N, C-alpha and C. Protein backbone atom coordinates (compact mmCIF):
# COMPACT_ATOMS: atom_id res chain seq x y z
N UNK A 1 70.16 95.04 97.33
CA UNK A 1 71.07 96.30 97.49
C UNK A 1 72.12 95.53 98.42
N UNK A 2 73.00 95.83 98.82
CA UNK A 2 73.92 95.28 99.88
C UNK A 2 73.67 96.47 100.83
N UNK A 3 73.59 96.17 102.32
CA UNK A 3 74.01 97.40 103.05
C UNK A 3 75.20 97.37 103.82
N UNK A 4 75.43 99.06 104.20
CA UNK A 4 76.39 99.48 104.41
C UNK A 4 77.19 100.30 103.49
N UNK A 5 78.76 100.66 103.69
CA UNK A 5 79.26 101.34 102.81
C UNK A 5 80.33 100.56 102.74
N UNK A 6 80.44 100.97 101.19
CA UNK A 6 81.86 100.02 100.76
C UNK A 6 83.14 101.05 100.48
N UNK A 7 83.90 100.73 101.50
CA UNK A 7 85.32 101.58 101.47
C UNK A 7 86.26 100.59 100.38
N UNK A 8 86.74 101.62 99.48
CA UNK A 8 87.67 101.14 97.93
C UNK A 8 88.53 101.44 98.57
N UNK A 9 90.09 100.89 99.09
CA UNK A 9 91.19 101.51 99.60
C UNK A 9 92.15 100.92 98.74
N UNK A 10 92.37 102.51 97.85
CA UNK A 10 93.65 102.78 97.34
C UNK A 10 94.17 102.01 96.26
N UNK A 11 92.80 101.91 95.29
CA UNK A 11 92.97 101.68 94.05
C UNK A 11 94.03 102.46 92.81
N UNK A 12 95.16 103.00 93.28
CA UNK A 12 95.64 103.76 92.66
C UNK A 12 96.96 103.36 91.81
N UNK A 13 97.26 104.19 90.82
CA UNK A 13 98.23 103.83 90.18
C UNK A 13 99.52 103.61 90.54
N UNK A 14 100.37 103.90 92.05
CA UNK A 14 100.99 103.68 92.45
C UNK A 14 101.76 102.39 92.86
N UNK A 15 99.86 101.17 93.52
CA UNK A 15 100.42 100.07 93.29
C UNK A 15 99.71 99.41 91.96
N UNK A 16 99.35 99.44 90.93
CA UNK A 16 99.01 99.14 89.70
C UNK A 16 100.00 99.16 88.93
N UNK A 17 100.78 100.10 88.82
CA UNK A 17 101.80 99.66 87.58
C UNK A 17 102.85 98.82 87.88
N UNK A 18 102.76 98.00 86.63
CA UNK A 18 104.35 96.99 87.13
C UNK A 18 105.59 97.76 87.66
N UNK A 19 105.99 98.80 87.07
CA UNK A 19 107.10 99.40 87.45
C UNK A 19 107.38 100.00 88.72
N UNK A 20 106.37 100.38 89.18
CA UNK A 20 106.16 100.62 90.69
C UNK A 20 106.90 100.10 91.93
N UNK A 21 107.53 100.65 92.48
CA UNK A 21 108.26 99.98 93.49
C UNK A 21 107.40 99.86 94.19
N UNK A 22 105.87 100.02 94.72
CA UNK A 22 104.87 99.48 95.29
C UNK A 22 103.72 98.61 94.83
N UNK A 23 104.17 98.30 93.41
CA UNK A 23 103.19 97.61 92.78
C UNK A 23 102.92 95.92 93.14
N UNK A 24 101.34 96.26 92.84
CA UNK A 24 100.59 94.63 93.77
C UNK A 24 100.47 93.90 92.80
N UNK A 25 101.09 92.37 92.85
CA UNK A 25 100.76 92.24 91.67
C UNK A 25 99.78 91.27 91.49
N UNK A 26 98.84 91.34 92.23
CA UNK A 26 97.33 91.19 91.77
C UNK A 26 96.08 92.19 91.98
N UNK A 27 97.06 92.94 91.76
CA UNK A 27 96.08 94.80 91.34
C UNK A 27 94.88 94.21 90.79
N UNK A 28 95.26 93.43 89.25
CA UNK A 28 94.01 93.28 88.17
C UNK A 28 92.82 92.10 88.52
N UNK A 29 93.11 91.16 89.49
CA UNK A 29 92.15 90.71 90.35
C UNK A 29 91.26 91.36 91.69
N UNK A 30 92.14 91.84 91.97
CA UNK A 30 91.46 92.51 93.24
C UNK A 30 90.09 94.00 92.64
N UNK A 31 90.88 94.52 91.63
CA UNK A 31 89.98 95.58 90.71
C UNK A 31 88.56 94.74 89.93
N UNK A 32 88.87 93.46 89.24
CA UNK A 32 87.81 93.64 88.71
C UNK A 32 86.78 92.55 89.80
N UNK A 33 87.57 92.49 91.17
CA UNK A 33 86.06 92.14 92.15
C UNK A 33 85.82 93.40 92.87
N UNK A 34 86.41 94.67 92.57
CA UNK A 34 86.08 96.08 93.15
C UNK A 34 84.47 95.90 91.97
N UNK A 35 85.09 95.80 90.99
CA UNK A 35 83.80 96.13 89.74
C UNK A 35 82.75 95.46 90.13
N UNK A 36 82.82 94.06 90.44
CA UNK A 36 81.72 93.27 90.94
C UNK A 36 81.24 94.31 92.08
N UNK A 37 81.07 94.43 92.65
CA UNK A 37 80.60 94.82 93.99
C UNK A 37 80.24 96.25 93.61
N UNK A 38 80.86 97.46 92.90
CA UNK A 38 80.37 98.68 92.79
C UNK A 38 79.20 98.49 92.64
N UNK A 39 78.21 98.03 91.84
CA UNK A 39 76.80 98.23 91.71
C UNK A 39 75.82 97.89 92.57
N UNK A 40 76.20 97.10 93.46
CA UNK A 40 75.60 96.66 94.80
C UNK A 40 75.21 97.69 96.22
N UNK A 41 76.26 98.56 95.67
CA UNK A 41 76.59 99.90 96.37
C UNK A 41 75.84 101.04 95.96
N UNK A 42 76.27 101.61 94.69
CA UNK A 42 75.51 102.61 94.44
C UNK A 42 76.31 103.66 94.55
N UNK A 43 75.51 104.77 95.20
CA UNK A 43 76.70 105.90 95.92
C UNK A 43 76.67 105.59 97.09
N UNK A 44 76.50 104.31 97.79
CA UNK A 44 77.79 104.37 99.23
C UNK A 44 78.76 103.96 98.82
N UNK A 45 79.80 104.30 97.89
CA UNK A 45 81.22 103.98 97.70
C UNK A 45 81.85 105.22 98.39
N UNK A 46 82.64 104.90 98.91
CA UNK A 46 83.81 105.61 99.07
C UNK A 46 85.74 105.06 98.66
N UNK A 47 86.04 105.98 98.09
CA UNK A 47 87.42 105.51 97.67
C UNK A 47 88.01 106.13 98.40
N UNK A 48 89.15 105.47 98.94
CA UNK A 48 90.28 106.46 99.71
C UNK A 48 91.58 106.48 98.80
N UNK A 49 92.34 107.37 99.31
CA UNK A 49 93.67 107.70 97.96
C UNK A 49 95.05 107.43 99.66
N UNK A 50 96.05 106.92 99.60
CA UNK A 50 96.97 107.23 100.58
C UNK A 50 97.82 107.94 99.63
N UNK A 51 98.48 109.09 100.20
CA UNK A 51 99.34 109.84 100.28
C UNK A 51 100.17 110.83 100.89
N UNK A 52 101.15 111.14 100.13
CA UNK A 52 102.45 111.40 101.15
C UNK A 52 101.94 112.96 101.87
N UNK A 53 102.57 112.92 103.48
CA UNK A 53 102.23 114.14 103.82
C UNK A 53 103.44 115.48 103.54
N UNK A 54 102.69 116.34 103.76
CA UNK A 54 103.78 118.05 103.36
C UNK A 54 105.17 117.57 103.98
N UNK A 55 104.79 117.13 104.99
CA UNK A 55 106.02 117.17 106.14
C UNK A 55 105.99 115.88 106.75
N UNK A 56 106.88 114.82 106.66
CA UNK A 56 106.61 113.93 107.36
C UNK A 56 107.01 113.98 108.86
N UNK A 57 106.67 113.20 109.77
CA UNK A 57 107.15 113.71 111.42
C UNK A 57 106.91 111.95 111.56
N UNK A 58 107.97 111.85 113.33
CA UNK A 58 107.63 110.63 113.36
C UNK A 58 108.53 109.40 112.66
N UNK A 59 108.03 108.67 113.10
CA UNK A 59 108.11 107.50 112.15
C UNK A 59 108.51 107.31 110.95
N UNK A 60 107.58 108.22 110.98
CA UNK A 60 106.88 108.21 108.86
C UNK A 60 108.25 108.91 108.36
N UNK A 61 109.17 109.78 109.27
CA UNK A 61 110.45 110.07 108.52
C UNK A 61 111.57 109.03 108.09
N UNK A 62 111.81 108.50 109.04
CA UNK A 62 111.83 106.69 108.19
C UNK A 62 111.43 106.06 107.30
N UNK A 63 110.12 106.04 107.21
CA UNK A 63 109.64 105.61 105.81
C UNK A 63 109.63 106.29 104.92
N UNK A 64 109.46 107.36 104.99
CA UNK A 64 109.80 108.37 103.69
C UNK A 64 111.33 108.27 103.28
N UNK A 65 111.91 107.75 104.34
CA UNK A 65 113.87 107.82 103.70
C UNK A 65 113.84 106.89 102.81
N UNK A 66 113.35 105.71 103.56
CA UNK A 66 112.97 104.64 102.72
C UNK A 66 112.54 104.73 101.39
N UNK A 67 111.12 105.44 100.88
CA UNK A 67 110.69 105.51 100.12
C UNK A 67 110.81 106.83 99.50
N UNK A 68 111.63 107.78 99.02
CA UNK A 68 111.62 108.97 98.57
C UNK A 68 111.14 109.17 98.37
N UNK A 69 111.15 108.39 96.84
CA UNK A 69 109.95 108.49 95.71
C UNK A 69 108.60 108.75 95.75
N UNK A 70 108.07 108.50 96.51
CA UNK A 70 106.77 108.76 97.68
C UNK A 70 106.22 110.23 97.42
N UNK A 71 107.16 111.28 97.89
CA UNK A 71 106.59 112.16 98.76
C UNK A 71 107.03 113.22 97.65
N UNK A 72 105.55 113.33 96.97
CA UNK A 72 105.22 113.83 95.76
C UNK A 72 103.74 114.64 96.63
N UNK A 73 103.69 115.55 95.50
CA UNK A 73 102.08 116.55 96.03
C UNK A 73 100.68 114.73 96.00
N UNK A 74 99.67 115.24 96.50
CA UNK A 74 98.26 114.95 96.04
C UNK A 74 97.90 114.46 95.01
N UNK A 75 98.39 115.36 94.18
CA UNK A 75 97.86 115.69 92.84
C UNK A 75 98.91 114.97 91.68
N UNK A 76 100.01 114.57 92.45
CA UNK A 76 100.97 113.80 91.46
C UNK A 76 100.38 112.40 90.71
N UNK A 77 100.76 112.09 89.51
CA UNK A 77 100.02 110.66 88.89
C UNK A 77 99.98 109.75 89.64
N UNK A 78 101.30 109.60 90.23
CA UNK A 78 101.46 107.96 90.77
C UNK A 78 99.83 108.04 92.16
N UNK A 79 99.44 109.25 92.70
CA UNK A 79 98.48 108.93 94.09
C UNK A 79 96.94 109.10 92.76
N UNK A 80 97.24 108.97 91.35
CA UNK A 80 95.70 109.27 91.18
C UNK A 80 95.13 107.30 90.95
N UNK A 81 93.92 107.84 91.36
CA UNK A 81 92.98 106.39 90.87
C UNK A 81 93.57 105.58 89.45
N UNK A 82 93.21 104.83 89.37
CA UNK A 82 93.96 103.77 87.94
C UNK A 82 92.29 104.53 87.21
N UNK A 83 92.55 104.28 86.32
CA UNK A 83 91.45 105.35 84.95
C UNK A 83 90.49 104.36 85.37
N UNK A 84 90.84 103.19 85.30
CA UNK A 84 89.14 102.71 85.42
C UNK A 84 87.74 102.91 86.61
N UNK A 85 89.00 103.23 87.52
CA UNK A 85 87.96 104.02 89.23
C UNK A 85 87.68 105.74 88.53
N UNK A 86 88.75 106.17 87.92
CA UNK A 86 88.76 107.54 88.66
C UNK A 86 87.34 108.05 88.13
N UNK A 87 86.42 107.98 87.15
CA UNK A 87 85.30 108.45 87.01
C UNK A 87 83.91 107.24 87.43
N UNK A 88 84.33 106.59 88.44
CA UNK A 88 83.56 105.65 89.22
C UNK A 88 83.27 105.66 90.54
N UNK A 89 83.89 106.88 90.99
CA UNK A 89 84.76 107.32 92.46
C UNK A 89 83.35 108.23 92.68
N UNK A 90 82.23 107.73 93.36
CA UNK A 90 81.41 109.07 94.17
C UNK A 90 82.05 109.88 95.15
N UNK A 91 82.65 109.73 95.84
CA UNK A 91 83.02 110.07 97.28
C UNK A 91 84.87 109.65 97.10
N UNK A 92 85.52 110.69 97.06
CA UNK A 92 87.20 110.52 97.26
C UNK A 92 87.37 111.09 98.90
N UNK A 93 88.37 110.28 99.33
CA UNK A 93 89.22 110.36 100.51
C UNK A 93 90.07 110.37 100.83
N UNK A 94 90.99 111.38 100.73
CA UNK A 94 92.90 111.61 101.18
C UNK A 94 92.93 110.87 102.66
N UNK A 95 94.06 110.09 102.83
CA UNK A 95 94.80 109.76 104.17
C UNK A 95 96.18 109.94 103.88
N UNK A 96 97.01 110.63 105.19
CA UNK A 96 98.81 110.20 105.02
C UNK A 96 98.42 109.04 105.88
N UNK A 97 97.79 108.62 106.08
CA UNK A 97 98.16 107.43 107.00
C UNK A 97 98.27 105.64 106.08
N UNK A 98 97.82 104.86 106.46
CA UNK A 98 97.27 103.27 106.27
C UNK A 98 96.61 103.15 106.68
N UNK A 99 95.91 103.29 107.83
CA UNK A 99 94.35 103.12 108.12
C UNK A 99 94.17 104.34 107.46
N UNK A 100 92.44 104.31 106.86
CA UNK A 100 91.59 104.71 106.50
C UNK A 100 90.52 105.06 107.28
N UNK A 101 90.05 104.26 108.57
CA UNK A 101 89.59 104.99 109.80
C UNK A 101 89.39 106.09 110.10
N UNK A 102 88.82 107.17 109.49
CA UNK A 102 89.12 108.44 109.92
C UNK A 102 88.08 109.01 110.18
N UNK A 103 87.91 110.16 111.47
CA UNK A 103 86.22 111.00 111.21
C UNK A 103 85.72 111.14 109.71
N UNK A 104 86.55 111.41 108.61
CA UNK A 104 85.36 111.28 107.33
C UNK A 104 84.99 110.37 107.55
N UNK A 105 85.57 108.83 107.34
CA UNK A 105 84.63 107.63 107.10
C UNK A 105 83.74 107.42 108.38
N UNK A 106 84.34 107.51 109.34
CA UNK A 106 83.57 106.96 110.10
C UNK A 106 81.68 107.83 109.96
N UNK A 107 82.22 109.22 109.85
CA UNK A 107 80.66 110.09 109.96
C UNK A 107 80.06 109.14 108.21
N UNK A 108 80.91 109.02 107.68
CA UNK A 108 79.87 108.29 106.14
C UNK A 108 79.46 106.87 107.02
N UNK A 109 80.16 106.05 107.66
CA UNK A 109 79.62 105.02 107.87
C UNK A 109 78.47 105.11 108.63
N UNK A 110 78.76 105.59 109.69
CA UNK A 110 77.35 106.18 110.85
C UNK A 110 77.52 105.16 112.02
N UNK A 111 76.71 105.46 113.14
CA UNK A 111 76.93 104.95 114.38
C UNK A 111 76.20 103.82 113.66
N UNK A 112 76.67 102.61 114.33
CA UNK A 112 75.97 101.39 114.21
C UNK A 112 75.70 100.63 112.26
N UNK A 113 76.92 101.64 111.86
CA UNK A 113 76.70 101.03 110.67
C UNK A 113 77.71 99.92 110.05
N UNK A 114 77.75 99.59 108.98
CA UNK A 114 78.67 98.79 108.32
C UNK A 114 79.92 99.02 106.84
N UNK A 115 80.57 98.45 107.56
CA UNK A 115 82.00 98.83 106.45
C UNK A 115 82.25 98.06 105.53
N UNK A 116 82.28 97.77 104.77
CA UNK A 116 82.54 96.62 103.61
C UNK A 116 84.06 97.23 102.83
N UNK A 117 85.00 96.68 103.11
CA UNK A 117 86.60 96.70 102.47
C UNK A 117 87.14 96.00 101.79
N UNK A 118 87.89 96.60 100.24
CA UNK A 118 87.88 96.02 99.93
C UNK A 118 89.23 96.81 98.97
N UNK A 119 90.04 96.25 98.51
CA UNK A 119 91.26 97.15 97.37
C UNK A 119 92.64 96.68 98.31
N UNK A 120 93.54 97.47 98.16
CA UNK A 120 94.90 97.04 98.35
C UNK A 120 95.69 97.72 99.17
N UNK A 121 96.78 97.48 100.06
CA UNK A 121 97.11 95.74 100.14
C UNK A 121 96.67 95.51 101.48
N UNK A 122 95.95 94.12 101.01
CA UNK A 122 95.23 93.53 102.23
C UNK A 122 95.92 93.70 103.53
N UNK A 123 97.81 93.70 103.33
CA UNK A 123 98.45 93.16 104.51
C UNK A 123 98.66 94.72 104.84
N UNK A 124 98.31 95.98 104.78
CA UNK A 124 98.88 96.62 105.15
C UNK A 124 97.56 97.99 105.36
N UNK A 125 97.00 98.43 104.25
CA UNK A 125 96.28 99.68 104.91
C UNK A 125 94.63 99.26 105.01
N UNK A 126 94.11 97.83 104.30
CA UNK A 126 92.99 97.19 104.02
C UNK A 126 92.85 96.90 106.06
N UNK A 127 94.23 95.79 106.37
CA UNK A 127 94.16 95.24 107.67
C UNK A 127 94.04 96.42 108.48
N UNK A 128 94.87 97.42 108.95
CA UNK A 128 94.79 98.97 109.33
C UNK A 128 93.52 99.50 109.55
N UNK A 129 92.61 99.67 108.63
CA UNK A 129 91.70 99.91 108.74
C UNK A 129 90.17 99.33 109.06
N UNK A 130 90.58 97.77 108.78
CA UNK A 130 89.44 96.83 109.62
C UNK A 130 89.63 96.73 110.67
N UNK A 131 91.37 96.89 111.36
CA UNK A 131 91.03 96.48 113.08
C UNK A 131 90.59 97.87 113.81
N UNK A 132 90.92 99.20 112.85
CA UNK A 132 90.77 100.64 113.53
C UNK A 132 88.94 100.68 113.68
N UNK A 133 88.12 100.03 112.86
CA UNK A 133 86.93 100.05 112.75
C UNK A 133 86.19 99.53 112.91
N UNK A 134 86.78 98.11 113.46
CA UNK A 134 85.84 97.26 114.56
C UNK A 134 86.64 97.42 116.08
N UNK A 135 87.47 98.53 116.15
CA UNK A 135 87.93 99.23 117.24
C UNK A 135 86.91 100.11 118.12
N UNK A 136 86.04 100.82 116.73
CA UNK A 136 85.24 101.49 117.29
C UNK A 136 83.80 101.02 116.98
N UNK A 137 83.82 99.47 117.15
CA UNK A 137 82.25 98.69 117.01
C UNK A 137 81.88 99.00 115.64
N UNK A 138 82.78 99.25 115.39
CA UNK A 138 81.58 99.11 113.38
C UNK A 138 81.94 97.35 113.19
N UNK A 139 80.67 97.05 112.39
CA UNK A 139 81.19 95.71 111.69
C UNK A 139 81.27 96.16 110.47
N UNK A 140 82.70 94.75 110.42
CA UNK A 140 83.16 95.25 109.37
C UNK A 140 83.32 94.08 108.34
N UNK A 141 83.32 93.88 106.93
CA UNK A 141 83.44 92.31 106.40
C UNK A 141 84.79 93.56 105.08
N UNK A 142 85.56 92.08 105.33
CA UNK A 142 86.56 92.20 104.32
C UNK A 142 86.11 91.21 103.25
N UNK A 143 86.34 91.83 101.98
CA UNK A 143 86.17 91.06 100.52
C UNK A 143 87.14 90.15 100.19
N UNK A 144 87.54 89.08 100.69
CA UNK A 144 88.95 88.52 100.05
C UNK A 144 89.18 89.13 98.80
N UNK A 145 88.36 88.18 97.82
CA UNK A 145 88.56 88.73 96.27
C UNK A 145 88.40 89.67 95.79
N UNK A 146 88.35 90.90 96.25
CA UNK A 146 88.52 92.12 95.56
C UNK A 146 89.91 92.75 96.48
N UNK A 147 90.38 91.92 96.94
CA UNK A 147 91.80 92.46 97.63
C UNK A 147 92.91 91.88 97.43
N UNK A 148 94.24 92.63 97.65
CA UNK A 148 95.61 91.80 97.12
C UNK A 148 96.56 92.58 98.14
N UNK A 149 97.48 91.52 98.14
CA UNK A 149 98.17 92.05 99.13
C UNK A 149 99.86 91.88 98.23
N UNK A 150 101.12 92.36 99.16
CA UNK A 150 102.49 92.73 98.43
C UNK A 150 102.67 90.94 97.56
N UNK A 151 102.07 89.95 98.27
CA UNK A 151 102.05 88.83 97.69
C UNK A 151 101.33 87.84 98.32
N UNK A 152 100.68 86.76 97.47
CA UNK A 152 99.85 86.13 97.69
C UNK A 152 99.80 85.50 99.22
N UNK A 153 101.26 85.26 99.91
CA UNK A 153 101.44 84.58 101.44
C UNK A 153 100.71 86.04 102.32
N UNK A 154 101.28 86.94 102.10
CA UNK A 154 100.77 88.08 102.65
C UNK A 154 99.73 88.74 102.76
N UNK A 155 99.02 88.32 101.56
CA UNK A 155 97.37 88.19 101.38
C UNK A 155 96.64 87.41 102.27
N UNK A 156 97.11 86.19 102.23
CA UNK A 156 96.53 85.02 103.15
C UNK A 156 96.67 85.69 104.69
N UNK A 157 98.33 85.78 105.23
CA UNK A 157 98.64 85.69 106.37
C UNK A 157 97.57 86.86 107.02
N UNK A 158 96.70 88.21 105.88
CA UNK A 158 96.84 89.08 106.94
C UNK A 158 94.79 88.81 106.61
N UNK A 159 94.77 88.29 106.06
CA UNK A 159 93.18 87.83 105.90
C UNK A 159 92.70 86.88 107.10
N UNK A 160 94.05 85.73 107.53
CA UNK A 160 93.72 85.17 108.80
C UNK A 160 93.73 85.76 110.12
N UNK A 161 94.57 86.38 110.41
CA UNK A 161 94.90 87.83 111.12
C UNK A 161 93.56 88.75 111.50
N UNK A 162 93.15 88.69 110.36
CA UNK A 162 91.55 89.78 110.50
C UNK A 162 90.37 88.85 110.76
N UNK A 163 90.34 87.74 110.11
CA UNK A 163 89.52 86.49 110.41
C UNK A 163 89.71 86.22 112.74
N UNK A 164 90.75 86.80 113.10
CA UNK A 164 91.20 86.09 114.15
C UNK A 164 89.53 87.39 115.22
N UNK A 165 89.83 88.55 114.21
CA UNK A 165 88.97 89.35 115.12
C UNK A 165 87.52 89.35 115.38
N UNK A 166 86.85 87.87 114.41
CA UNK A 166 85.37 88.02 114.01
C UNK A 166 84.70 87.48 115.81
N UNK A 167 83.62 88.28 115.58
CA UNK A 167 82.45 87.84 114.48
C UNK A 167 82.87 89.46 114.44
N UNK A 168 83.68 90.53 115.08
CA UNK A 168 83.59 91.77 114.74
C UNK A 168 83.94 92.12 113.41
N UNK A 169 84.86 91.56 112.87
CA UNK A 169 85.54 91.19 111.28
C UNK A 169 85.41 89.69 110.76
N UNK A 170 84.36 90.07 109.72
CA UNK A 170 84.78 88.87 108.73
C UNK A 170 85.01 89.15 107.09
N UNK A 171 85.49 87.64 107.36
CA UNK A 171 85.94 87.59 105.64
C UNK A 171 85.37 87.10 104.85
N UNK A 172 84.64 88.11 103.71
CA UNK A 172 84.12 87.21 102.93
C UNK A 172 84.36 87.10 101.25
N UNK A 173 83.54 86.51 100.40
CA UNK A 173 84.07 86.74 98.82
C UNK A 173 82.96 88.01 98.25
N UNK A 174 83.23 87.72 97.06
CA UNK A 174 81.92 88.83 96.44
C UNK A 174 81.55 88.36 96.26
N UNK A 175 80.72 86.95 95.96
CA UNK A 175 80.11 85.65 95.70
C UNK A 175 78.87 85.77 96.90
N UNK A 176 79.30 85.47 98.47
CA UNK A 176 78.53 85.73 99.70
C UNK A 176 78.07 86.91 99.78
N UNK A 177 79.03 88.09 99.65
CA UNK A 177 78.68 89.16 99.91
C UNK A 177 76.96 89.83 98.95
N UNK A 178 77.04 89.25 97.59
CA UNK A 178 76.15 89.86 97.02
C UNK A 178 75.55 88.84 95.88
N UNK A 179 75.91 87.75 96.01
CA UNK A 179 75.41 86.83 95.11
C UNK A 179 76.11 86.42 94.43
N UNK A 180 75.88 85.17 93.57
CA UNK A 180 76.92 84.73 92.27
C UNK A 180 76.11 85.22 91.39
């Protein structure tokens, strides 16, 4: 059994469906990595969902002016976890921010805990979550082959940036974490 809490970041329809403006091209590959990780963490898994706020404020106003399709309530179909994960999510946490290092996630990890990250997109929500958790003093592992970026180059660059934060953030593969 692997230690820590697995946070599966934003494995939602809006990032999975090819026709979506936010489609992540390698979503399917990231999902395969997540599926391999789930048994190693049992109930120590939190799935996150990025959702739009009721009323955008500050810089978020310009963001949603660019992406008005996303201003939908949390129960809208685009925000749902993909079908393969909807029934496998023991705990779901919503956030209106890219970073998912919220007080709720911090409580689930616990003081001195370990956070393992997988999901999408590497270059946005995964990166934002990893850096905030590391700043909070949490050992953070990012599972490279259970993540996907907006494109391969952005995915690789985000992983490179996170490796700069070692040893607080470490980039690993599924095999390195749970064994082949």
